[in-house]
N, C-alpha and C. Protein backbone atom coordinates (compact mmCIF):
# COMPACT_ATOMS: atom_id res chain seq x y z
N UNK A 1 -7.02 17.36 -23.81
CA UNK A 1 -6.36 18.70 -23.82
C UNK A 1 -6.86 19.71 -23.36
N UNK A 2 -6.63 20.48 -22.62
CA UNK A 2 -7.18 21.68 -22.46
C UNK A 2 -7.64 22.54 -23.62
N UNK A 3 -8.32 23.07 -24.07
CA UNK A 3 -8.37 23.53 -25.74
C UNK A 3 -9.26 25.57 -24.95
N UNK A 4 -8.07 26.15 -25.23
CA UNK A 4 -8.92 27.99 -24.30
C UNK A 4 -9.01 28.55 -25.91
N UNK A 5 -9.63 29.76 -25.90
CA UNK A 5 -9.99 30.66 -26.97
C UNK A 5 -8.52 31.37 -27.01
N UNK A 6 -8.14 32.22 -28.22
CA UNK A 6 -6.47 32.79 -28.35
C UNK A 6 -6.41 33.91 -28.06
N UNK A 7 -7.99 34.82 -27.79
CA UNK A 7 -7.95 36.09 -26.64
C UNK A 7 -7.89 35.80 -25.15
N UNK A 8 -8.68 34.06 -25.32
CA UNK A 8 -8.30 34.32 -23.74
C UNK A 8 -6.84 33.75 -23.04
N UNK A 9 -6.03 33.37 -23.80
CA UNK A 9 -4.91 32.45 -24.28
C UNK A 9 -4.08 33.84 -23.44
N UNK A 10 -3.96 34.85 -24.57
CA UNK A 10 -3.06 35.94 -24.82
C UNK A 10 -3.50 36.96 -23.34
N UNK A 11 -4.90 37.43 -23.25
CA UNK A 11 -5.07 37.91 -21.76
C UNK A 11 -4.69 37.02 -20.13
N UNK A 12 -4.48 35.93 -20.70
CA UNK A 12 -3.85 35.41 -19.45
C UNK A 12 -2.28 34.94 -19.68
N UNK A 13 -1.75 35.17 -20.76
CA UNK A 13 -0.26 35.25 -20.62
C UNK A 13 0.00 37.38 -20.23
N UNK A 14 -0.46 37.93 -20.36
CA UNK A 14 -0.51 39.30 -19.86
C UNK A 14 -1.00 39.68 -18.87
N UNK A 15 -2.13 38.64 -18.14
CA UNK A 15 -2.27 38.39 -16.70
C UNK A 15 -1.00 38.08 -16.29
N UNK A 16 -0.35 37.14 -16.23
CA UNK A 16 0.66 36.81 -15.64
C UNK A 16 2.36 37.65 -15.79
N UNK A 17 2.64 37.82 -17.15
CA UNK A 17 3.34 38.76 -17.46
C UNK A 17 2.97 40.31 -16.08
N UNK A 18 1.84 40.51 -16.05
CA UNK A 18 2.07 42.03 -15.13
C UNK A 18 2.34 41.52 -14.05
N UNK A 19 1.81 40.18 -13.28
CA UNK A 19 2.16 39.74 -11.86
C UNK A 19 3.15 40.21 -11.87
N UNK A 20 3.73 39.26 -12.62
CA UNK A 20 5.80 38.63 -12.63
C UNK A 20 6.21 40.29 -12.08
N UNK A 21 5.70 40.97 -13.34
CA UNK A 21 6.66 42.51 -13.45
C UNK A 21 5.96 43.22 -11.87
N UNK A 22 4.91 43.34 -11.05
CA UNK A 22 4.33 43.33 -10.32
C UNK A 22 5.06 43.59 -8.89
N UNK A 23 5.89 41.51 -9.05
CA UNK A 23 6.13 40.88 -7.49
C UNK A 23 7.30 41.67 -7.52
N UNK A 24 7.93 41.37 -9.29
CA UNK A 24 9.33 42.09 -9.07
C UNK A 24 9.38 43.44 -8.50
N UNK A 25 8.80 44.12 -8.84
CA UNK A 25 8.63 45.95 -8.66
C UNK A 25 8.74 45.66 -6.93
N UNK A 26 7.70 44.79 -6.20
CA UNK A 26 7.36 45.18 -4.95
C UNK A 26 8.37 44.74 -3.89
N UNK A 27 8.97 43.71 -4.92
CA UNK A 27 10.88 43.22 -3.90
C UNK A 27 11.52 44.57 -4.18
N UNK A 28 11.49 45.15 -5.37
CA UNK A 28 12.95 45.73 -5.66
C UNK A 28 12.73 46.66 -4.49
N UNK A 29 11.36 48.12 -4.97
CA UNK A 29 11.31 48.60 -3.58
C UNK A 29 11.36 48.59 -2.25
N UNK A 30 11.38 47.25 -1.65
CA UNK A 30 11.13 47.18 0.06
C UNK A 30 12.95 47.15 -0.22
N UNK A 31 14.37 46.69 -1.07
CA UNK A 31 15.18 46.98 -0.70
C UNK A 31 15.16 48.70 -0.70
N UNK A 32 14.62 48.79 -1.81
CA UNK A 32 15.38 50.75 -1.43
C UNK A 32 15.10 51.04 -0.12
N UNK A 33 14.14 50.87 0.09
CA UNK A 33 13.69 51.81 1.15
C UNK A 33 14.86 51.30 2.40
N UNK A 34 15.78 50.92 2.69
CA UNK A 34 15.84 50.94 3.56
C UNK A 34 16.84 52.08 4.56
N UNK A 35 16.92 51.93 5.93
CA UNK A 35 16.49 53.97 5.93
C UNK A 35 18.41 53.85 5.86
N UNK A 36 18.85 54.81 5.28
CA UNK A 36 19.87 55.37 5.38
C UNK A 36 20.15 56.31 5.88
N UNK A 37 21.44 56.65 6.98
CA UNK A 37 21.70 57.45 8.48
C UNK A 37 22.77 57.91 7.96
N UNK A 38 23.03 59.15 7.99
CA UNK A 38 24.20 59.76 7.77
C UNK A 38 25.07 60.16 9.27
N UNK A 39 26.33 60.21 9.79
CA UNK A 39 25.99 60.09 10.97
C UNK A 39 26.76 62.30 10.42
N UNK A 40 26.35 63.08 10.98
CA UNK A 40 26.49 64.51 11.58
C UNK A 40 27.54 64.63 11.46
N UNK A 41 28.61 64.33 11.76
CA UNK A 41 30.10 64.93 12.09
C UNK A 41 30.96 64.54 10.59
N UNK A 42 29.64 63.78 9.66
CA UNK A 42 30.40 63.71 8.10
C UNK A 42 29.94 65.53 7.17
N UNK A 43 29.15 66.06 7.84
CA UNK A 43 28.36 66.61 7.18
C UNK A 43 29.24 67.49 7.08
N UNK A 44 29.58 68.80 6.08
CA UNK A 44 30.18 70.16 6.18
C UNK A 44 29.83 70.96 5.34
N UNK A 45 30.10 72.27 6.41
CA UNK A 45 29.09 73.24 5.48
C UNK A 45 30.09 74.47 5.44
N UNK A 46 30.84 74.97 4.64
CA UNK A 46 31.78 75.88 3.93
C UNK A 46 31.45 76.89 4.14
N UNK A 47 32.25 77.89 4.77
CA UNK A 47 31.83 79.31 5.25
C UNK A 47 32.15 80.43 4.14
N UNK A 48 33.27 79.94 3.05
CA UNK A 48 33.53 81.06 2.17
C UNK A 48 32.53 80.50 1.47
N UNK A 49 31.81 79.54 0.56
CA UNK A 49 30.78 79.96 -0.52
C UNK A 49 29.75 78.79 -0.50
N UNK A 50 29.11 78.95 1.44
CA UNK A 50 28.43 77.99 1.88
C UNK A 50 27.68 76.52 1.26
N UNK A 51 29.15 75.48 0.40
CA UNK A 51 28.55 74.42 0.12
C UNK A 51 28.97 73.66 1.01
N UNK A 52 27.71 72.61 1.39
CA UNK A 52 27.28 71.95 1.68
C UNK A 52 27.79 70.59 1.11
N UNK A 53 28.90 69.68 2.08
CA UNK A 53 29.25 68.01 1.34
C UNK A 53 29.58 67.38 2.29
N UNK A 54 29.57 66.43 2.28
CA UNK A 54 30.14 65.63 2.53
C UNK A 54 31.87 64.98 3.19
N UNK A 55 32.68 64.55 4.11
CA UNK A 55 33.99 63.71 4.59
C UNK A 55 34.06 62.92 4.83
N UNK A 56 34.10 61.44 5.03
CA UNK A 56 34.03 61.02 5.90
C UNK A 56 35.33 61.03 6.53
N UNK A 57 36.29 61.75 6.22
CA UNK A 57 37.76 61.28 6.66
C UNK A 57 37.69 61.85 8.32
N UNK A 58 37.77 61.76 9.58
CA UNK A 58 37.77 62.66 10.57
C UNK A 58 39.02 63.09 11.52
N UNK A 59 38.40 64.46 9.78
CA UNK A 59 39.23 65.48 10.49
C UNK A 59 39.18 66.89 11.12
N UNK A 60 39.53 67.18 12.07
CA UNK A 60 39.28 68.59 12.32
C UNK A 60 39.12 69.83 11.49
N UNK A 61 39.91 69.55 10.41
CA UNK A 61 39.76 70.20 9.02
C UNK A 61 39.66 69.47 8.19
N UNK A 62 38.63 70.48 7.39
CA UNK A 62 38.33 69.55 6.15
C UNK A 62 39.02 70.41 4.68
N UNK A 63 38.76 69.91 3.52
CA UNK A 63 39.12 70.82 2.46
C UNK A 63 37.56 70.59 1.48
N UNK A 64 37.84 72.77 0.85
CA UNK A 64 36.02 72.51 0.42
C UNK A 64 36.51 71.56 -0.80
N UNK A 65 35.54 71.17 -1.32
CA UNK A 65 35.79 70.69 -2.87
C UNK A 65 35.81 71.52 -4.01
N UNK A 66 34.90 72.75 -3.73
CA UNK A 66 34.15 73.32 -4.74
C UNK A 66 35.17 74.68 -4.71
N UNK A 67 35.56 75.61 -3.77
CA UNK A 67 36.03 76.69 -3.28
C UNK A 67 37.93 76.34 -3.01
N UNK A 68 38.04 75.03 -2.55
CA UNK A 68 39.58 74.77 -1.95
C UNK A 68 39.28 75.29 -0.45
N UNK A 69 38.32 75.97 0.08
CA UNK A 69 39.00 76.69 1.25
C UNK A 69 39.01 75.69 2.26
N UNK A 70 39.83 75.80 3.80
CA UNK A 70 39.64 75.25 4.91
C UNK A 70 38.66 75.48 5.58
N UNK A 71 37.38 74.78 6.16
CA UNK A 71 37.19 74.87 6.74
C UNK A 71 36.92 73.96 8.11
N UNK A 72 36.34 74.54 9.71
CA UNK A 72 37.03 73.44 10.81
C UNK A 72 35.48 73.69 11.05
N UNK A 73 35.57 72.47 11.97
CA UNK A 73 34.16 71.96 12.27
C UNK A 73 33.49 72.30 13.58
């Protein structure tokens, strides 16, 4: 059996735990960094209240969610 000092055991445990957290953080960060692109045809700009919003319907006229006015592309 290998005998180790208590402080060495605690420090090894903390080191392994921190390495595990670092590895999980790196893999989750890689998934979050995926490129999110938005097509320009879905971005609308209200001419009345100057609100920019997203409407994924492919309409030529859209209703502003803030002031309910009609906007044309």
